[in-house]
Amino acid sequence: MGNWKLEVGRMAMYMSFPVMLFHFFNQPTYFEEWVTNTKRQIFPPESKTDREDIQQLIADMRKKQMQAFEKE
Protein backbone atom coordinates (compact mmCIF):
# COMPACT_ATOMS: atom_id res chain seq x y z
CA MET A 1 0.00 0.00 0.00
CA GLY A 2 1.13 3.52 -0.69
CA ASN A 3 1.12 6.54 1.47
CA TRP A 4 -1.46 9.33 1.38
CA LYS A 5 0.25 11.14 -1.54
CA LEU A 6 -0.18 8.10 -3.77
CA GLU A 7 -3.82 7.75 -2.77
CA VAL A 8 -4.50 11.44 -3.45
CA GLY A 9 -2.80 11.15 -6.85
CA ARG A 10 -4.83 8.07 -7.77
CA MET A 11 -8.07 9.71 -6.67
CA ALA A 12 -7.26 12.83 -8.69
CA MET A 13 -6.57 10.69 -11.76
CA TYR A 14 -9.76 8.66 -11.30
CA MET A 15 -11.82 11.84 -11.03
CA SER A 16 -10.13 13.94 -13.71
CA PHE A 17 -9.79 11.31 -16.47
CA PRO A 18 -13.54 10.94 -17.20
CA VAL A 19 -14.02 14.71 -16.96
CA MET A 20 -11.22 15.32 -19.48
CA LEU A 21 -12.67 12.70 -21.86
CA PHE A 22 -16.14 14.21 -21.54
CA HIS A 23 -14.76 17.67 -22.27
CA PHE A 24 -12.69 16.48 -25.25
CA PHE A 25 -15.37 14.40 -26.97
CA ASN A 26 -18.19 16.91 -26.48
CA GLN A 27 -16.63 19.70 -28.51
CA PRO A 28 -18.99 20.57 -31.38
CA THR A 29 -16.14 21.37 -33.75
CA TYR A 30 -15.11 17.70 -33.79
CA PHE A 31 -18.42 16.30 -34.99
CA GLU A 32 -20.38 19.22 -36.47
CA GLU A 33 -19.50 18.38 -40.09
CA TRP A 34 -20.26 14.69 -39.57
CA VAL A 35 -23.69 15.46 -38.07
CA THR A 36 -24.52 17.86 -40.90
CA ASN A 37 -23.57 15.36 -43.60
CA THR A 38 -25.48 12.55 -41.91
CA LYS A 39 -28.62 14.67 -41.60
CA ARG A 40 -28.39 15.58 -45.28
CA GLN A 41 -28.15 11.90 -46.21
CA ILE A 42 -31.09 10.88 -44.02
CA PHE A 43 -33.28 13.92 -44.78
CA PRO A 44 -32.31 15.23 -48.21
CA PRO A 45 -33.55 18.69 -49.18
CA GLU A 46 -36.98 18.61 -50.76
CA SER A 47 -37.05 19.22 -54.50
CA LYS A 48 -39.91 20.56 -56.58
CA THR A 49 -40.37 17.27 -58.47
CA ASP A 50 -40.61 15.34 -55.21
CA ARG A 51 -43.28 17.71 -53.96
CA GLU A 52 -45.26 17.36 -57.20
CA ASP A 53 -45.04 13.56 -56.98
CA ILE A 54 -46.36 13.64 -53.43
CA GLN A 55 -49.25 15.90 -54.40
CA GLN A 56 -50.09 13.60 -57.33
CA LEU A 57 -50.07 10.57 -55.03
CA ILE A 58 -52.40 12.34 -52.60
CA ALA A 59 -54.79 13.21 -55.43
CA ASP A 60 -54.75 9.60 -56.70
CA MET A 61 -55.46 8.22 -53.22
CA ARG A 62 -58.37 10.62 -52.72
CA LYS A 63 -59.77 9.66 -56.12
CA LYS A 64 -59.52 5.97 -55.23
CA GLN A 65 -61.22 6.56 -51.87
CA MET A 66 -64.03 8.51 -53.51
CA GLN A 67 -64.59 5.68 -56.02
CA ALA A 68 -64.72 3.14 -53.20
CA PHE A 69 -67.14 5.38 -51.29
CA GLU A 70 -69.41 5.74 -54.35
CA LYS A 71 -69.54 1.95 -54.81
CA GLU A 72 -70.86 1.56 -51.28
PDB file of N, CA and C in Angstrom:
ATOM      1  N   MET A   1       0.845  -1.176   0.000  1.00  0.00           N
ATOM      2  CA  MET A   1       0.000   0.000   0.000  1.00  0.00           C
ATOM      3  C   MET A   1       0.890   1.240   0.000  1.00  0.00           C
ATOM      4  N   GLY A   2       0.385   2.277  -0.618  1.00  0.00           N
ATOM      5  CA  GLY A   2       1.133   3.519  -0.692  1.00  0.00           C
ATOM      6  C   GLY A   2       0.752   4.460   0.425  1.00  0.00           C
ATOM      7  N   ASN A   3       1.450   5.541   0.454  1.00  0.00           N
ATOM      8  CA  ASN A   3       1.118   6.536   1.471  1.00  0.00           C
ATOM      9  C   ASN A   3       0.001   7.445   0.968  1.00  0.00           C
ATOM     10  N   TRP A   4      -0.312   8.482   1.720  1.00  0.00           N
ATOM     11  CA  TRP A   4      -1.458   9.329   1.383  1.00  0.00           C
ATOM     12  C   TRP A   4      -1.255  10.089   0.075  1.00  0.00           C
ATOM     13  N   LYS A   5      -0.006  10.411  -0.297  1.00  0.00           N
ATOM     14  CA  LYS A   5       0.249  11.136  -1.542  1.00  0.00           C
ATOM     15  C   LYS A   5      -0.129  10.290  -2.752  1.00  0.00           C
ATOM     16  N   LEU A   6       0.180   9.008  -2.681  1.00  0.00           N
ATOM     17  CA  LEU A   6      -0.175   8.105  -3.775  1.00  0.00           C
ATOM     18  C   LEU A   6      -1.690   7.982  -3.883  1.00  0.00           C
ATOM     19  N   GLU A   7      -2.365   7.869  -2.761  1.00  0.00           N
ATOM     20  CA  GLU A   7      -3.818   7.749  -2.767  1.00  0.00           C
ATOM     21  C   GLU A   7      -4.482   9.020  -3.312  1.00  0.00           C
ATOM     22  N   VAL A   8      -3.958  10.186  -2.944  1.00  0.00           N
ATOM     23  CA  VAL A   8      -4.503  11.444  -3.454  1.00  0.00           C
ATOM     24  C   VAL A   8      -4.273  11.537  -4.960  1.00  0.00           C
ATOM     25  N   GLY A   9      -3.100  11.133  -5.411  1.00  0.00           N
ATOM     26  CA  GLY A   9      -2.804  11.151  -6.850  1.00  0.00           C
ATOM     27  C   GLY A   9      -3.718  10.224  -7.625  1.00  0.00           C
ATOM     28  N   ARG A  10      -3.942   9.028  -7.097  1.00  0.00           N
ATOM     29  CA  ARG A  10      -4.834   8.073  -7.769  1.00  0.00           C
ATOM     30  C   ARG A  10      -6.263   8.605  -7.801  1.00  0.00           C
ATOM     31  N   MET A  11      -6.718   9.178  -6.712  1.00  0.00           N
ATOM     32  CA  MET A  11      -8.073   9.707  -6.671  1.00  0.00           C
ATOM     33  C   MET A  11      -8.223  10.874  -7.652  1.00  0.00           C
ATOM     34  N   ALA A  12      -7.218  11.711  -7.754  1.00  0.00           N
ATOM     35  CA  ALA A  12      -7.257  12.832  -8.693  1.00  0.00           C
ATOM     36  C   ALA A  12      -7.319  12.313 -10.128  1.00  0.00           C
ATOM     37  N   MET A  13      -6.554  11.268 -10.417  1.00  0.00           N
ATOM     38  CA  MET A  13      -6.569  10.692 -11.760  1.00  0.00           C
ATOM     39  C   MET A  13      -7.920  10.053 -12.049  1.00  0.00           C
ATOM     40  N   TYR A  14      -8.461   9.310 -11.103  1.00  0.00           N
ATOM     41  CA  TYR A  14      -9.760   8.664 -11.299  1.00  0.00           C
ATOM     42  C   TYR A  14     -10.871   9.684 -11.521  1.00  0.00           C
ATOM     43  N   MET A  15     -10.771  10.834 -10.890  1.00  0.00           N
ATOM     44  CA  MET A  15     -11.821  11.843 -11.031  1.00  0.00           C
ATOM     45  C   MET A  15     -11.610  12.722 -12.255  1.00  0.00           C
ATOM     46  N   SER A  16     -10.365  13.001 -12.613  1.00  0.00           N
ATOM     47  CA  SER A  16     -10.125  13.936 -13.710  1.00  0.00           C
ATOM     48  C   SER A  16     -10.166  13.256 -15.082  1.00  0.00           C
ATOM     49  N   PHE A  17      -9.837  11.991 -15.171  1.00  0.00           N
ATOM     50  CA  PHE A  17      -9.791  11.308 -16.468  1.00  0.00           C
ATOM     51  C   PHE A  17     -11.156  11.303 -17.158  1.00  0.00           C
ATOM     52  N   PRO A  18     -12.240  10.897 -16.509  1.00  0.00           N
ATOM     53  CA  PRO A  18     -13.537  10.942 -17.197  1.00  0.00           C
ATOM     54  C   PRO A  18     -13.982  12.364 -17.539  1.00  0.00           C
ATOM     55  N   VAL A  19     -13.642  13.321 -16.693  1.00  0.00           N
ATOM     56  CA  VAL A  19     -14.015  14.708 -16.962  1.00  0.00           C
ATOM     57  C   VAL A  19     -13.269  15.218 -18.189  1.00  0.00           C
ATOM     58  N   MET A  20     -11.999  14.895 -18.309  1.00  0.00           N
ATOM     59  CA  MET A  20     -11.225  15.316 -19.481  1.00  0.00           C
ATOM     60  C   MET A  20     -11.765  14.661 -20.751  1.00  0.00           C
ATOM     61  N   LEU A  21     -12.098  13.373 -20.695  1.00  0.00           N
ATOM     62  CA  LEU A  21     -12.667  12.702 -21.861  1.00  0.00           C
ATOM     63  C   LEU A  21     -14.007  13.306 -22.245  1.00  0.00           C
ATOM     64  N   PHE A  22     -14.848  13.587 -21.270  1.00  0.00           N
ATOM     65  CA  PHE A  22     -16.141  14.212 -21.538  1.00  0.00           C
ATOM     66  C   PHE A  22     -15.939  15.566 -22.214  1.00  0.00           C
ATOM     67  N   HIS A  23     -15.019  16.348 -21.697  1.00  0.00           N
ATOM     68  CA  HIS A  23     -14.757  17.668 -22.272  1.00  0.00           C
ATOM     69  C   HIS A  23     -14.219  17.543 -23.698  1.00  0.00           C
ATOM     70  N   PHE A  24     -13.306  16.628 -23.935  1.00  0.00           N
ATOM     71  CA  PHE A  24     -12.687  16.480 -25.248  1.00  0.00           C
ATOM     72  C   PHE A  24     -13.692  16.005 -26.293  1.00  0.00           C
ATOM     73  N   PHE A  25     -14.482  14.992 -25.978  1.00  0.00           N
ATOM     74  CA  PHE A  25     -15.368  14.397 -26.972  1.00  0.00           C
ATOM     75  C   PHE A  25     -16.687  15.147 -27.129  1.00  0.00           C
ATOM     76  N   ASN A  26     -16.964  16.140 -26.333  1.00  0.00           N
ATOM     77  CA  ASN A  26     -18.192  16.908 -26.478  1.00  0.00           C
ATOM     78  C   ASN A  26     -17.941  18.297 -27.050  1.00  0.00           C
ATOM     79  N   GLN A  27     -16.877  18.441 -27.810  1.00  0.00           N
ATOM     80  CA  GLN A  27     -16.627  19.695 -28.506  1.00  0.00           C
ATOM     81  C   GLN A  27     -17.349  19.656 -29.849  1.00  0.00           C
ATOM     82  N   PRO A  28     -18.216  20.624 -30.139  1.00  0.00           N
ATOM     83  CA  PRO A  28     -18.991  20.574 -31.379  1.00  0.00           C
ATOM     84  C   PRO A  28     -18.136  20.662 -32.634  1.00  0.00           C
ATOM     85  N   THR A  29     -16.962  21.251 -32.549  1.00  0.00           N
ATOM     86  CA  THR A  29     -16.137  21.371 -33.746  1.00  0.00           C
ATOM     87  C   THR A  29     -15.664  20.012 -34.252  1.00  0.00           C
ATOM     88  N   TYR A  30     -15.593  19.018 -33.386  1.00  0.00           N
ATOM     89  CA  TYR A  30     -15.111  17.703 -33.795  1.00  0.00           C
ATOM     90  C   TYR A  30     -16.142  16.916 -34.591  1.00  0.00           C
ATOM     91  N   PHE A  31     -17.426  17.128 -34.321  1.00  0.00           N
ATOM     92  CA  PHE A  31     -18.421  16.304 -34.991  1.00  0.00           C
ATOM     93  C   PHE A  31     -19.499  17.092 -35.715  1.00  0.00           C
ATOM     94  N   GLU A  32     -19.369  18.398 -35.824  1.00  0.00           N
ATOM     95  CA  GLU A  32     -20.384  19.222 -36.471  1.00  0.00           C
ATOM     96  C   GLU A  32     -20.540  18.876 -37.955  1.00  0.00           C
ATOM     97  N   GLU A  33     -19.440  18.723 -38.658  1.00  0.00           N
ATOM     98  CA  GLU A  33     -19.501  18.383 -40.086  1.00  0.00           C
ATOM     99  C   GLU A  33     -20.096  16.997 -40.293  1.00  0.00           C
ATOM    100  N   TRP A  34     -19.725  16.053 -39.450  1.00  0.00           N
ATOM    101  CA  TRP A  34     -20.256  14.691 -39.573  1.00  0.00           C
ATOM    102  C   TRP A  34     -21.772  14.676 -39.360  1.00  0.00           C
ATOM    103  N   VAL A  35     -22.251  15.404 -38.356  1.00  0.00           N
ATOM    104  CA  VAL A  35     -23.688  15.456 -38.072  1.00  0.00           C
ATOM    105  C   VAL A  35     -24.427  16.100 -39.240  1.00  0.00           C
ATOM    106  N   THR A  36     -23.882  17.179 -39.786  1.00  0.00           N
ATOM    107  CA  THR A  36     -24.524  17.864 -40.899  1.00  0.00           C
ATOM    108  C   THR A  36     -24.619  16.958 -42.118  1.00  0.00           C
ATOM    109  N   ASN A  37     -23.546  16.262 -42.447  1.00  0.00           N
ATOM    110  CA  ASN A  37     -23.566  15.360 -43.605  1.00  0.00           C
ATOM    111  C   ASN A  37     -24.527  14.197 -43.394  1.00  0.00           C
ATOM    112  N   THR A  38     -24.566  13.653 -42.197  1.00  0.00           N
ATOM    113  CA  THR A  38     -25.475  12.546 -41.905  1.00  0.00           C
ATOM    114  C   THR A  38     -26.924  12.989 -42.013  1.00  0.00           C
ATOM    115  N   LYS A  39     -27.245  14.160 -41.498  1.00  0.00           N
ATOM    116  CA  LYS A  39     -28.615  14.673 -41.602  1.00  0.00           C
ATOM    117  C   LYS A  39     -29.016  14.892 -43.055  1.00  0.00           C
ATOM    118  N   ARG A  40     -28.084  15.370 -43.862  1.00  0.00           N
ATOM    119  CA  ARG A  40     -28.392  15.580 -45.285  1.00  0.00           C
ATOM    120  C   ARG A  40     -28.616  14.260 -46.010  1.00  0.00           C
ATOM    121  N   GLN A  41     -27.934  13.209 -45.598  1.00  0.00           N
ATOM    122  CA  GLN A  41     -28.151  11.896 -46.214  1.00  0.00           C
ATOM    123  C   GLN A  41     -29.496  11.314 -45.789  1.00  0.00           C
ATOM    124  N   ILE A  42     -29.845  11.455 -44.529  1.00  0.00           N
ATOM    125  CA  ILE A  42     -31.090  10.880 -44.020  1.00  0.00           C
ATOM    126  C   ILE A  42     -32.293  11.704 -44.485  1.00  0.00           C
ATOM    127  N   PHE A  43     -32.193  13.019 -44.393  1.00  0.00           N
ATOM    128  CA  PHE A  43     -33.279  13.920 -44.776  1.00  0.00           C
ATOM    129  C   PHE A  43     -32.795  14.846 -45.887  1.00  0.00           C
ATOM    130  N   PRO A  44     -32.805  14.367 -47.128  1.00  0.00           N
ATOM    131  CA  PRO A  44     -32.305  15.227 -48.215  1.00  0.00           C
ATOM    132  C   PRO A  44     -33.233  16.423 -48.411  1.00  0.00           C
ATOM    133  N   PRO A  45     -32.701  17.512 -48.947  1.00  0.00           N
ATOM    134  CA  PRO A  45     -33.549  18.687 -49.183  1.00  0.00           C
ATOM    135  C   PRO A  45     -34.661  18.342 -50.175  1.00  0.00           C
ATOM    136  N   GLU A  46     -35.820  18.917 -49.935  1.00  0.00           N
ATOM    137  CA  GLU A  46     -36.979  18.607 -50.757  1.00  0.00           C
ATOM    138  C   GLU A  46     -36.869  19.338 -52.096  1.00  0.00           C
ATOM    139  N   SER A  47     -37.088  18.598 -53.185  1.00  0.00           N
ATOM    140  CA  SER A  47     -37.049  19.220 -54.501  1.00  0.00           C
ATOM    141  C   SER A  47     -38.467  19.433 -55.006  1.00  0.00           C
ATOM    142  N   LYS A  48     -38.594  20.230 -56.047  1.00  0.00           N
ATOM    143  CA  LYS A  48     -39.910  20.556 -56.583  1.00  0.00           C
ATOM    144  C   LYS A  48     -40.565  19.316 -57.193  1.00  0.00           C
ATOM    145  N   THR A  49     -39.790  18.472 -57.861  1.00  0.00           N
ATOM    146  CA  THR A  49     -40.366  17.269 -58.471  1.00  0.00           C
ATOM    147  C   THR A  49     -40.870  16.300 -57.406  1.00  0.00           C
ATOM    148  N   ASP A  50     -40.150  16.203 -56.298  1.00  0.00           N
ATOM    149  CA  ASP A  50     -40.606  15.336 -55.206  1.00  0.00           C
ATOM    150  C   ASP A  50     -41.939  15.832 -54.663  1.00  0.00           C
ATOM    151  N   ARG A  51     -42.049  17.133 -54.490  1.00  0.00           N
ATOM    152  CA  ARG A  51     -43.277  17.714 -53.956  1.00  0.00           C
ATOM    153  C   ARG A  51     -44.448  17.470 -54.914  1.00  0.00           C
ATOM    154  N   GLU A  52     -44.206  17.615 -56.211  1.00  0.00           N
ATOM    155  CA  GLU A  52     -45.257  17.363 -57.201  1.00  0.00           C
ATOM    156  C   GLU A  52     -45.682  15.899 -57.188  1.00  0.00           C
ATOM    157  N   ASP A  53     -44.715  14.990 -57.047  1.00  0.00           N
ATOM    158  CA  ASP A  53     -45.042  13.565 -56.978  1.00  0.00           C
ATOM    159  C   ASP A  53     -45.902  13.248 -55.756  1.00  0.00           C
ATOM    160  N   ILE A  54     -45.582  13.864 -54.650  1.00  0.00           N
ATOM    161  CA  ILE A  54     -46.362  13.637 -53.425  1.00  0.00           C
ATOM    162  C   ILE A  54     -47.781  14.155 -53.599  1.00  0.00           C
ATOM    163  N   GLN A  55     -47.919  15.333 -54.179  1.00  0.00           N
ATOM    164  CA  GLN A  55     -49.249  15.899 -54.402  1.00  0.00           C
ATOM    165  C   GLN A  55     -50.059  15.033 -55.366  1.00  0.00           C
ATOM    166  N   GLN A  56     -49.416  14.482 -56.391  1.00  0.00           N
ATOM    167  CA  GLN A  56     -50.094  13.597 -57.333  1.00  0.00           C
ATOM    168  C   GLN A  56     -50.541  12.310 -56.635  1.00  0.00           C
ATOM    169  N   LEU A  57     -49.712  11.767 -55.776  1.00  0.00           N
ATOM    170  CA  LEU A  57     -50.068  10.569 -55.033  1.00  0.00           C
ATOM    171  C   LEU A  57     -51.269  10.835 -54.125  1.00  0.00           C
ATOM    172  N   ILE A  58     -51.276  11.991 -53.472  1.00  0.00           N
ATOM    173  CA  ILE A  58     -52.401  12.341 -52.600  1.00  0.00           C
ATOM    174  C   ILE A  58     -53.689  12.441 -53.422  1.00  0.00           C
ATOM    175  N   ALA A  59     -53.605  13.075 -54.575  1.00  0.00           N
ATOM    176  CA  ALA A  59     -54.790  13.209 -55.434  1.00  0.00           C
ATOM    177  C   ALA A  59     -55.278  11.843 -55.899  1.00  0.00           C
ATOM    178  N   ASP A  60     -54.362  10.949 -56.264  1.00  0.00           N
ATOM    179  CA  ASP A  60     -54.751   9.600 -56.704  1.00  0.00           C
ATOM    180  C   ASP A  60     -55.416   8.818 -55.573  1.00  0.00           C
ATOM    181  N   MET A  61     -54.878   8.932 -54.370  1.00  0.00           N
ATOM    182  CA  MET A  61     -55.456   8.219 -53.225  1.00  0.00           C
ATOM    183  C   MET A  61     -56.861   8.749 -52.910  1.00  0.00           C
ATOM    184  N   ARG A  62     -57.037  10.052 -52.964  1.00  0.00           N
ATOM    185  CA  ARG A  62     -58.365  10.623 -52.721  1.00  0.00           C
ATOM    186  C   ARG A  62     -59.365  10.155 -53.781  1.00  0.00           C
ATOM    187  N   LYS A  63     -58.904  10.117 -55.031  1.00  0.00           N
ATOM    188  CA  LYS A  63     -59.774   9.661 -56.120  1.00  0.00           C
ATOM    189  C   LYS A  63     -60.189   8.216 -55.893  1.00  0.00           C
ATOM    190  N   LYS A  64     -59.227   7.378 -55.486  1.00  0.00           N
ATOM    191  CA  LYS A  64     -59.521   5.966 -55.231  1.00  0.00           C
ATOM    192  C   LYS A  64     -60.493   5.822 -54.057  1.00  0.00           C
ATOM    193  N   GLN A  65     -60.315   6.607 -53.020  1.00  0.00           N
ATOM    194  CA  GLN A  65     -61.218   6.563 -51.872  1.00  0.00           C
ATOM    195  C   GLN A  65     -62.633   7.001 -52.255  1.00  0.00           C
ATOM    196  N   MET A  66     -62.716   8.029 -53.072  1.00  0.00           N
ATOM    197  CA  MET A  66     -64.031   8.505 -53.510  1.00  0.00           C
ATOM    198  C   MET A  66     -64.745   7.463 -54.366  1.00  0.00           C
ATOM    199  N   GLN A  67     -64.002   6.754 -55.212  1.00  0.00           N
ATOM    200  CA  GLN A  67     -64.588   5.682 -56.023  1.00  0.00           C
ATOM    201  C   GLN A  67     -65.083   4.556 -55.139  1.00  0.00           C
ATOM    202  N   ALA A  68     -64.310   4.203 -54.132  1.00  0.00           N
ATOM    203  CA  ALA A  68     -64.724   3.140 -53.203  1.00  0.00           C
ATOM    204  C   ALA A  68     -65.943   3.599 -52.413  1.00  0.00           C
ATOM    205  N   PHE A  69     -65.994   4.848 -52.037  1.00  0.00           N
ATOM    206  CA  PHE A  69     -67.136   5.381 -51.293  1.00  0.00           C
ATOM    207  C   PHE A  69     -68.393   5.389 -52.158  1.00  0.00           C
ATOM    208  N   GLU A  70     -68.270   5.718 -53.446  1.00  0.00           N
ATOM    209  CA  GLU A  70     -69.410   5.740 -54.353  1.00  0.00           C
ATOM    210  C   GLU A  70     -69.960   4.340 -54.619  1.00  0.00           C
ATOM    211  N   LYS A  71     -69.081   3.336 -54.611  1.00  0.00           N
ATOM    212  CA  LYS A  71     -69.536   1.954 -54.815  1.00  0.00           C
ATOM    213  C   LYS A  71     -70.402   1.499 -53.651  1.00  0.00           C
ATOM    214  N   GLU A  72     -70.099   1.947 -52.461  1.00  0.00           N
ATOM    215  CA  GLU A  72     -70.864   1.557 -51.278  1.00  0.00           C
ATOM    216  C   GLU A  72     -72.161   2.266 -51.316  1.00  0.00           C
TER     217      GLU A  72
END
